Amino acid sequence: MNAELRQWLRTARGQALLGAEAALLDDALADCFGWETLQIGAWGEGRALLGGARTRSRGVIASSDDAAPDVLSRLTQLPVASDSIDAVILPHTLEFEADPYGVLREVDRVLAGEGKLIVLGFAPWSPWGLRAAATRRGHPPQLRRTLSLQRMRDWVSVLGYDVLETRHYLYGLPWGEPRAGVRSLRRGLYPLPAGAYLLKARKRLHALTPLRPRLRERRTVLAGLTEPSSANSSVNRTSDR
């Protein structure tokens, strides 16, 4: 997270966004238990989004040290053991990284079976997504792309996940003064599409299918007669002499 984005998140609009997302994540993490919750990608300050984690441990891995992460690493090569994490949060991470699907595949590697994946993203066909597309430096600053909810559904489905729930939020315009009450409005009360979404999915636990023990190879049968073994062949050759 560069200095420009960090400064934007400290504005009134950025703080309103982080507050709404922290509340959403508190609810989404309520049924995520186990040993480790991992936030991959810096968004806000430190572990501010992990307050609702129910696991025994929690941490943040980021590719820059601007937001004081617990571990500094490339997000496509995480220094984490495979199948060891119970819940992973991607707070707009895929929208800022050069290889979003590569990051998602690496998340799939470290997430344990039945583990939960929570993704936050900006909606492309919303006032927020359209402003991001129309602004050279992105909005928020340095945003590389927006990924639709349907694309995220497709990606996690290909990797073998079941989508548990989706939520829409950020019912407000990305300009002017932010209003505290507007983020709590629902789609029926707000004429424009929500600016962002939350997707929660569970990694399927694939049961191993036991292999049948291979039967002992049978000797081939030639013209109805059993092929002689090597021992019998030696005896026959000796008697012929």
C-alpha atoms as a PDB file:
ATOM      1  CA  MET A   1       0.000   0.000   0.000  1.00  0.00           C
ATOM      2  CA  ASN A   2       1.640   3.203  -1.162  1.00  0.00           C
ATOM      3  CA  ALA A   3       1.598   6.568   0.568  1.00  0.00           C
ATOM      4  CA  GLU A   4      -1.157   8.003  -1.657  1.00  0.00           C
ATOM      5  CA  LEU A   5      -3.572   5.181  -0.884  1.00  0.00           C
ATOM      6  CA  ARG A   6      -2.705   5.245   2.810  1.00  0.00           C
ATOM      7  CA  GLN A   7      -3.431   8.966   2.913  1.00  0.00           C
ATOM      8  CA  TRP A   8      -6.779   8.456   1.112  1.00  0.00           C
ATOM      9  CA  LEU A   9      -7.851   5.809   3.635  1.00  0.00           C
ATOM     10  CA  ARG A  10      -7.256   8.343   6.403  1.00  0.00           C
ATOM     11  CA  THR A  11      -9.742  10.809   4.883  1.00  0.00           C
ATOM     12  CA  ALA A  12     -13.367  10.973   6.055  1.00  0.00           C
ATOM     13  CA  ARG A  13     -14.482   8.880   3.061  1.00  0.00           C
ATOM     14  CA  GLY A  14     -11.757   6.308   3.569  1.00  0.00           C
ATOM     15  CA  GLN A  15     -12.528   6.008   7.272  1.00  0.00           C
ATOM     16  CA  ALA A  16     -16.248   5.567   6.539  1.00  0.00           C
ATOM     17  CA  LEU A  17     -15.412   2.789   4.080  1.00  0.00           C
ATOM     18  CA  LEU A  18     -13.090   1.018   6.535  1.00  0.00           C
ATOM     19  CA  GLY A  19     -15.679   1.299   9.296  1.00  0.00           C
ATOM     20  CA  ALA A  20     -18.398  -0.264   7.144  1.00  0.00           C
ATOM     21  CA  GLU A  21     -16.083  -3.070   6.058  1.00  0.00           C
ATOM     22  CA  ALA A  22     -14.905  -3.807   9.597  1.00  0.00           C
ATOM     23  CA  ALA A  23     -18.549  -4.234  10.675  1.00  0.00           C
ATOM     24  CA  LEU A  24     -19.262  -6.541   7.719  1.00  0.00           C
ATOM     25  CA  LEU A  25     -16.196  -8.656   8.465  1.00  0.00           C
ATOM     26  CA  ASP A  26     -17.178  -8.976  12.133  1.00  0.00           C
ATOM     27  CA  ASP A  27     -20.391 -10.673  10.983  1.00  0.00           C
ATOM     28  CA  ALA A  28     -18.720 -12.752   8.274  1.00  0.00           C
ATOM     29  CA  LEU A  29     -16.067 -14.077  10.680  1.00  0.00           C
ATOM     30  CA  ALA A  30     -18.561 -15.073  13.380  1.00  0.00           C
ATOM     31  CA  ASP A  31     -18.538 -18.736  12.294  1.00  0.00           C
ATOM     32  CA  CYS A  32     -14.849 -18.981  11.388  1.00  0.00           C
ATOM     33  CA  PHE A  33     -13.109 -21.002  14.081  1.00  0.00           C
ATOM     34  CA  GLY A  34      -9.776 -22.788  14.368  1.00  0.00           C
ATOM     35  CA  TRP A  35      -6.172 -21.721  14.759  1.00  0.00           C
ATOM     36  CA  GLU A  36      -5.355 -19.037  12.213  1.00  0.00           C
ATOM     37  CA  THR A  37      -7.071 -16.198  10.362  1.00  0.00           C
ATOM     38  CA  LEU A  38      -4.914 -14.503   7.768  1.00  0.00           C
ATOM     39  CA  GLN A  39      -5.467 -11.175   6.041  1.00  0.00           C
ATOM     40  CA  ILE A  40      -3.566 -11.107   2.767  1.00  0.00           C
ATOM     41  CA  GLY A  41      -2.932  -7.604   1.503  1.00  0.00           C
ATOM     42  CA  ALA A  42      -2.710  -4.345   3.458  1.00  0.00           C
ATOM     43  CA  TRP A  43      -5.954  -2.380   3.812  1.00  0.00           C
ATOM     44  CA  GLY A  44      -6.179   0.115   6.633  1.00  0.00           C
ATOM     45  CA  GLU A  45      -3.871  -0.022   9.626  1.00  0.00           C
ATOM     46  CA  GLY A  46      -2.410  -3.266  10.913  1.00  0.00           C
ATOM     47  CA  ARG A  47      -5.014  -5.796  12.102  1.00  0.00           C
ATOM     48  CA  ALA A  48      -7.923  -3.338  12.276  1.00  0.00           C
ATOM     49  CA  LEU A  49     -10.112  -5.550  10.039  1.00  0.00           C
ATOM     50  CA  LEU A  50      -9.416  -8.695  12.085  1.00  0.00           C
ATOM     51  CA  GLY A  51     -11.147  -7.608  15.267  1.00  0.00           C
ATOM     52  CA  GLY A  52     -13.975 -10.104  14.761  1.00  0.00           C
ATOM     53  CA  ALA A  53     -11.744 -13.126  14.105  1.00  0.00           C
ATOM     54  CA  ARG A  54     -12.632 -16.098  16.350  1.00  0.00           C
ATOM     55  CA  THR A  55      -9.469 -18.094  15.730  1.00  0.00           C
ATOM     56  CA  ARG A  56      -6.672 -18.380  18.288  1.00  0.00           C
ATOM     57  CA  SER A  57      -4.243 -16.452  16.109  1.00  0.00           C
ATOM     58  CA  ARG A  58      -4.501 -13.779  13.418  1.00  0.00           C
ATOM     59  CA  GLY A  59      -2.042 -12.003  11.193  1.00  0.00           C
ATOM     60  CA  VAL A  60      -1.504  -9.793   8.148  1.00  0.00           C
ATOM     61  CA  ILE A  61       0.756 -10.545   5.180  1.00  0.00           C
ATOM     62  CA  ALA A  62       1.438  -7.702   2.740  1.00  0.00           C
ATOM     63  CA  SER A  63       3.849  -6.939  -0.083  1.00  0.00           C
ATOM     64  CA  SER A  64       4.914  -3.577   1.406  1.00  0.00           C
ATOM     65  CA  ASP A  65       5.668  -2.468   4.945  1.00  0.00           C
ATOM     66  CA  ASP A  66       3.657   0.800   4.805  1.00  0.00           C
ATOM     67  CA  ALA A  67       0.829  -0.592   6.949  1.00  0.00           C
ATOM     68  CA  ALA A  68       3.087  -2.486   9.371  1.00  0.00           C
ATOM     69  CA  PRO A  69       2.100  -6.061   8.422  1.00  0.00           C
ATOM     70  CA  ASP A  70       3.151  -9.061  10.496  1.00  0.00           C
ATOM     71  CA  VAL A  71       4.918 -10.643   7.509  1.00  0.00           C
ATOM     72  CA  LEU A  72       6.358  -9.005   4.400  1.00  0.00           C
ATOM     73  CA  SER A  73       6.125 -11.230   1.328  1.00  0.00           C
ATOM     74  CA  ARG A  74       5.193 -11.521  -2.327  1.00  0.00           C
ATOM     75  CA  LEU A  75       1.529 -12.443  -2.339  1.00  0.00           C
ATOM     76  CA  THR A  76       1.977 -15.072  -5.046  1.00  0.00           C
ATOM     77  CA  GLN A  77       4.617 -16.856  -2.933  1.00  0.00           C
ATOM     78  CA  LEU A  78       3.385 -16.866   0.653  1.00  0.00           C
ATOM     79  CA  PRO A  79       5.770 -18.186   3.333  1.00  0.00           C
ATOM     80  CA  VAL A  80       2.952 -20.318   4.766  1.00  0.00           C
ATOM     81  CA  ALA A  81       2.571 -24.095   4.913  1.00  0.00           C
ATOM     82  CA  SER A  82      -0.026 -25.664   2.641  1.00  0.00           C
ATOM     83  CA  ASP A  83      -3.473 -26.455   4.098  1.00  0.00           C
ATOM     84  CA  SER A  84      -2.698 -24.647   7.358  1.00  0.00           C
ATOM     85  CA  ILE A  85      -5.016 -21.588   7.498  1.00  0.00           C
ATOM     86  CA  ASP A  86      -8.637 -21.679   8.685  1.00  0.00           C
ATOM     87  CA  ALA A  87      -9.849 -18.351   7.248  1.00  0.00           C
ATOM     88  CA  VAL A  88      -8.428 -15.899   4.717  1.00  0.00           C
ATOM     89  CA  ILE A  89      -9.538 -12.318   4.073  1.00  0.00           C
ATOM     90  CA  LEU A  90      -8.734 -10.541   0.805  1.00  0.00           C
ATOM     91  CA  PRO A  91      -9.725  -6.879   1.372  1.00  0.00           C
ATOM     92  CA  HIS A  92      -9.592  -5.472  -2.192  1.00  0.00           C
ATOM     93  CA  THR A  93      -6.261  -7.276  -2.572  1.00  0.00           C
ATOM     94  CA  LEU A  94      -7.018  -8.767  -5.995  1.00  0.00           C
ATOM     95  CA  GLU A  95      -7.816  -5.312  -7.378  1.00  0.00           C
ATOM     96  CA  PHE A  96      -4.390  -3.903  -6.557  1.00  0.00           C
ATOM     97  CA  GLU A  97      -2.150  -6.869  -7.425  1.00  0.00           C
ATOM     98  CA  ALA A  98      -0.639  -7.443 -10.873  1.00  0.00           C
ATOM     99  CA  ASP A  99      -1.606 -11.160 -10.908  1.00  0.00           C
ATOM    100  CA  PRO A 100      -4.954 -11.498  -9.109  1.00  0.00           C
ATOM    101  CA  TYR A 101      -5.613 -15.104 -10.109  1.00  0.00           C
ATOM    102  CA  GLY A 102      -2.085 -16.071  -9.085  1.00  0.00           C
ATOM    103  CA  VAL A 103      -2.766 -14.616  -5.638  1.00  0.00           C
ATOM    104  CA  LEU A 104      -6.044 -16.531  -5.442  1.00  0.00           C
ATOM    105  CA  ARG A 105      -4.339 -19.814  -6.340  1.00  0.00           C
ATOM    106  CA  GLU A 106      -1.755 -19.226  -3.634  1.00  0.00           C
ATOM    107  CA  VAL A 107      -4.536 -18.539  -1.146  1.00  0.00           C
ATOM    108  CA  ASP A 108      -6.118 -21.826  -2.176  1.00  0.00           C
ATOM    109  CA  ARG A 109      -2.825 -23.595  -1.448  1.00  0.00           C
ATOM    110  CA  VAL A 110      -2.551 -22.353   2.139  1.00  0.00           C
ATOM    111  CA  LEU A 111      -6.253 -22.599   3.051  1.00  0.00           C
ATOM    112  CA  ALA A 112      -7.251 -25.829   4.784  1.00  0.00           C
ATOM    113  CA  GLY A 113     -10.177 -27.968   3.672  1.00  0.00           C
ATOM    114  CA  GLU A 114     -13.495 -26.499   4.891  1.00  0.00           C
ATOM    115  CA  GLY A 115     -11.643 -23.200   5.432  1.00  0.00           C
ATOM    116  CA  LYS A 116     -13.424 -19.906   4.708  1.00  0.00           C
ATOM    117  CA  LEU A 117     -12.434 -17.315   2.122  1.00  0.00           C
ATOM    118  CA  ILE A 118     -13.795 -13.759   2.346  1.00  0.00           C
ATOM    119  CA  VAL A 119     -13.272 -11.326  -0.534  1.00  0.00           C
ATOM    120  CA  LEU A 120     -14.061  -7.603  -0.593  1.00  0.00           C
ATOM    121  CA  GLY A 121     -14.318  -5.944  -3.990  1.00  0.00           C
ATOM    122  CA  PHE A 122     -15.563  -2.834  -5.760  1.00  0.00           C
ATOM    123  CA  ALA A 123     -18.428  -3.354  -8.207  1.00  0.00           C
ATOM    124  CA  PRO A 124     -17.457  -2.351 -11.791  1.00  0.00           C
ATOM    125  CA  TRP A 125     -20.925  -1.123 -12.841  1.00  0.00           C
ATOM    126  CA  SER A 126     -21.456   1.194  -9.906  1.00  0.00           C
ATOM    127  CA  PRO A 127     -20.584   4.857  -9.299  1.00  0.00           C
ATOM    128  CA  TRP A 128     -17.409   3.684  -7.539  1.00  0.00           C
ATOM    129  CA  GLY A 129     -16.379   1.335 -10.331  1.00  0.00           C
ATOM    130  CA  LEU A 130     -17.135   3.851 -13.060  1.00  0.00           C
ATOM    131  CA  ARG A 131     -15.147   6.570 -11.315  1.00  0.00           C
ATOM    132  CA  ALA A 132     -12.225   4.166 -10.938  1.00  0.00           C
ATOM    133  CA  ALA A 133     -12.353   3.399 -14.675  1.00  0.00           C
ATOM    134  CA  ALA A 134     -12.568   7.070 -15.615  1.00  0.00           C
ATOM    135  CA  THR A 135      -9.696   8.205 -13.383  1.00  0.00           C
ATOM    136  CA  ARG A 136      -6.144   7.715 -14.617  1.00  0.00           C
ATOM    137  CA  ARG A 137      -4.710   7.033 -11.167  1.00  0.00           C
ATOM    138  CA  GLY A 138      -7.702   4.944 -10.077  1.00  0.00           C
ATOM    139  CA  HIS A 139     -10.149   5.468  -7.256  1.00  0.00           C
ATOM    140  CA  PRO A 140      -9.146   4.747  -4.576  1.00  0.00           C
ATOM    141  CA  PRO A 141      -5.669   5.771  -5.747  1.00  0.00           C
ATOM    142  CA  GLN A 142      -3.572   3.096  -7.501  1.00  0.00           C
ATOM    143  CA  LEU A 143      -6.525   0.754  -8.044  1.00  0.00           C
ATOM    144  CA  ARG A 144      -5.519  -1.434 -10.996  1.00  0.00           C
ATOM    145  CA  ARG A 145      -8.887  -2.941 -11.886  1.00  0.00           C
ATOM    146  CA  THR A 146     -12.334  -3.879 -10.613  1.00  0.00           C
ATOM    147  CA  LEU A 147     -13.554  -7.486 -10.631  1.00  0.00           C
ATOM    148  CA  SER A 148     -17.247  -8.234 -10.832  1.00  0.00           C
ATOM    149  CA  LEU A 149     -19.013 -10.436  -8.313  1.00  0.00           C
ATOM    150  CA  GLN A 150     -19.848 -12.920 -11.081  1.00  0.00           C
ATOM    151  CA  ARG A 151     -16.194 -13.242 -12.039  1.00  0.00           C
ATOM    152  CA  MET A 152     -15.275 -13.884  -8.425  1.00  0.00           C
ATOM    153  CA  ARG A 153     -17.964 -16.553  -8.256  1.00  0.00           C
ATOM    154  CA  ASP A 154     -16.517 -18.195 -11.362  1.00  0.00           C
ATOM    155  CA  TRP A 155     -12.949 -18.106 -10.061  1.00  0.00           C
ATOM    156  CA  VAL A 156     -13.705 -19.646  -6.679  1.00  0.00           C
ATOM    157  CA  SER A 157     -15.976 -22.236  -8.289  1.00  0.00           C
ATOM    158  CA  VAL A 158     -13.175 -23.367 -10.600  1.00  0.00           C
ATOM    159  CA  LEU A 159     -10.894 -23.741  -7.565  1.00  0.00           C
ATOM    160  CA  GLY A 160     -13.465 -25.941  -5.810  1.00  0.00           C
ATOM    161  CA  TYR A 161     -15.292 -23.595  -3.418  1.00  0.00           C
ATOM    162  CA  ASP A 162     -18.927 -23.310  -2.424  1.00  0.00           C
ATOM    163  CA  VAL A 163     -20.220 -19.741  -2.199  1.00  0.00           C
ATOM    164  CA  LEU A 164     -21.898 -19.357   1.197  1.00  0.00           C
ATOM    165  CA  GLU A 165     -23.152 -15.781   0.920  1.00  0.00           C
ATOM    166  CA  THR A 166     -22.730 -12.461  -0.830  1.00  0.00           C
ATOM    167  CA  ARG A 167     -23.503  -9.000   0.512  1.00  0.00           C
ATOM    168  CA  HIS A 168     -23.673  -5.620  -1.176  1.00  0.00           C
ATOM    169  CA  TYR A 169     -22.638  -2.436   0.578  1.00  0.00           C
ATOM    170  CA  LEU A 170     -21.255   1.055  -0.006  1.00  0.00           C
ATOM    171  CA  TYR A 171     -24.528   2.725  -0.978  1.00  0.00           C
ATOM    172  CA  GLY A 172     -23.154   6.179  -1.540  1.00  0.00           C
ATOM    173  CA  LEU A 173     -21.415   8.306  -4.160  1.00  0.00           C
ATOM    174  CA  PRO A 174     -17.608   8.440  -4.426  1.00  0.00           C
ATOM    175  CA  TRP A 175     -17.573  12.216  -4.383  1.00  0.00           C
ATOM    176  CA  GLY A 176     -18.834  14.973  -2.133  1.00  0.00           C
ATOM    177  CA  GLU A 177     -19.008  14.662   1.625  1.00  0.00           C
ATOM    178  CA  PRO A 178     -19.678  11.131   2.892  1.00  0.00           C
ATOM    179  CA  ARG A 179     -22.852  10.692   4.909  1.00  0.00           C
ATOM    180  CA  ALA A 180     -22.730   8.328   7.856  1.00  0.00           C
ATOM    181  CA  GLY A 181     -26.225   6.904   7.286  1.00  0.00           C
ATOM    182  CA  VAL A 182     -25.957   6.213   3.581  1.00  0.00           C
ATOM    183  CA  ARG A 183     -23.880   3.029   3.969  1.00  0.00           C
ATOM    184  CA  SER A 184     -26.704   1.384   5.929  1.00  0.00           C
ATOM    185  CA  LEU A 185     -29.299   1.863   3.174  1.00  0.00           C
ATOM    186  CA  ARG A 186     -30.476  -1.198   1.271  1.00  0.00           C
ATOM    187  CA  ARG A 187     -30.839  -1.618  -2.472  1.00  0.00           C
ATOM    188  CA  GLY A 188     -34.606  -1.049  -2.324  1.00  0.00           C
ATOM    189  CA  LEU A 189     -34.067   2.405  -0.840  1.00  0.00           C
ATOM    190  CA  TYR A 190     -31.147   3.501  -2.998  1.00  0.00           C
ATOM    191  CA  PRO A 191     -31.612   3.920  -6.766  1.00  0.00           C
ATOM    192  CA  LEU A 192     -27.974   3.229  -7.786  1.00  0.00           C
ATOM    193  CA  PRO A 193     -26.029  -0.050  -7.604  1.00  0.00           C
ATOM    194  CA  ALA A 194     -23.985  -0.716  -4.477  1.00  0.00           C
ATOM    195  CA  GLY A 195     -20.361   0.313  -4.794  1.00  0.00           C
ATOM    196  CA  ALA A 196     -18.858  -2.852  -3.300  1.00  0.00           C
ATOM    197  CA  TYR A 197     -19.576  -6.442  -2.366  1.00  0.00           C
ATOM    198  CA  LEU A 198     -18.484  -9.146   0.064  1.00  0.00           C
ATOM    199  CA  LEU A 199     -18.199 -12.762  -1.065  1.00  0.00           C
ATOM    200  CA  LYS A 200     -17.788 -15.604   1.426  1.00  0.00           C
ATOM    201  CA  ALA A 201     -16.915 -19.110   0.247  1.00  0.00           C
ATOM    202  CA  ARG A 202     -15.876 -22.437   1.753  1.00  0.00           C
ATOM    203  CA  LYS A 203     -13.162 -24.689   0.385  1.00  0.00           C
ATOM    204  CA  ARG A 204     -14.472 -28.160  -0.340  1.00  0.00           C
ATOM    205  CA  LEU A 205     -12.843 -31.021   1.509  1.00  0.00           C
ATOM    206  CA  HIS A 206     -12.156 -33.671  -1.094  1.00  0.00           C
ATOM    207  CA  ALA A 207     -12.295 -37.184   0.362  1.00  0.00           C
ATOM    208  CA  LEU A 208      -9.592 -39.536  -0.818  1.00  0.00           C
ATOM    209  CA  THR A 209     -10.899 -42.538  -2.739  1.00  0.00           C
ATOM    210  CA  PRO A 210      -9.095 -45.695  -1.593  1.00  0.00           C
ATOM    211  CA  LEU A 211      -7.461 -47.615  -4.410  1.00  0.00           C
ATOM    212  CA  ARG A 212      -8.263 -51.269  -4.862  1.00  0.00           C
ATOM    213  CA  PRO A 213      -5.291 -53.507  -4.141  1.00  0.00           C
ATOM    214  CA  ARG A 214      -3.807 -54.759  -7.379  1.00  0.00           C
ATOM    215  CA  LEU A 215      -4.469 -58.460  -7.921  1.00  0.00           C
ATOM    216  CA  ARG A 216      -1.508 -60.776  -8.389  1.00  0.00           C
ATOM    217  CA  GLU A 217      -0.682 -61.051 -12.034  1.00  0.00           C
ATOM    218  CA  ARG A 218      -1.900 -64.309 -13.582  1.00  0.00           C
ATOM    219  CA  ARG A 219       0.298 -66.237 -15.921  1.00  0.00           C
ATOM    220  CA  THR A 220      -0.786 -66.004 -19.530  1.00  0.00           C
ATOM    221  CA  VAL A 221      -2.623 -68.890 -21.101  1.00  0.00           C
ATOM    222  CA  LEU A 222      -1.614 -69.924 -24.616  1.00  0.00           C
ATOM    223  CA  ALA A 223      -4.041 -72.098 -26.634  1.00  0.00           C
ATOM    224  CA  GLY A 224      -5.741 -73.292 -23.490  1.00  0.00           C
ATOM    225  CA  LEU A 225      -2.507 -74.404 -21.820  1.00  0.00           C
ATOM    226  CA  THR A 226      -0.753 -72.593 -19.040  1.00  0.00           C
ATOM    227  CA  GLU A 227       2.580 -71.116 -20.089  1.00  0.00           C
ATOM    228  CA  PRO A 228       5.335 -73.039 -18.279  1.00  0.00           C
ATOM    229  CA  SER A 229       7.219 -71.236 -15.592  1.00  0.00           C
ATOM    230  CA  SER A 230      10.931 -70.539 -15.958  1.00  0.00           C
ATOM    231  CA  ALA A 231      11.744 -73.315 -13.470  1.00  0.00           C
ATOM    232  CA  ASN A 232       9.811 -75.917 -15.460  1.00  0.00           C
ATOM    233  CA  SER A 233      11.398 -74.756 -18.671  1.00  0.00           C
ATOM    234  CA  SER A 234      14.860 -75.320 -17.202  1.00  0.00           C
ATOM    235  CA  VAL A 235      13.941 -78.866 -16.145  1.00  0.00           C
ATOM    236  CA  ASN A 236      12.544 -79.670 -19.562  1.00  0.00           C
ATOM    237  CA  ARG A 237      15.663 -78.405 -21.309  1.00  0.00           C
ATOM    238  CA  THR A 238      17.844 -80.537 -19.027  1.00  0.00           C
ATOM    239  CA  SER A 239      15.831 -83.726 -19.678  1.00  0.00           C
ATOM    240  CA  ASP A 240      16.039 -83.172 -23.447  1.00  0.00           C
ATOM    241  CA  ARG A 241      19.751 -83.317 -23.250  1.00  0.00           C
END
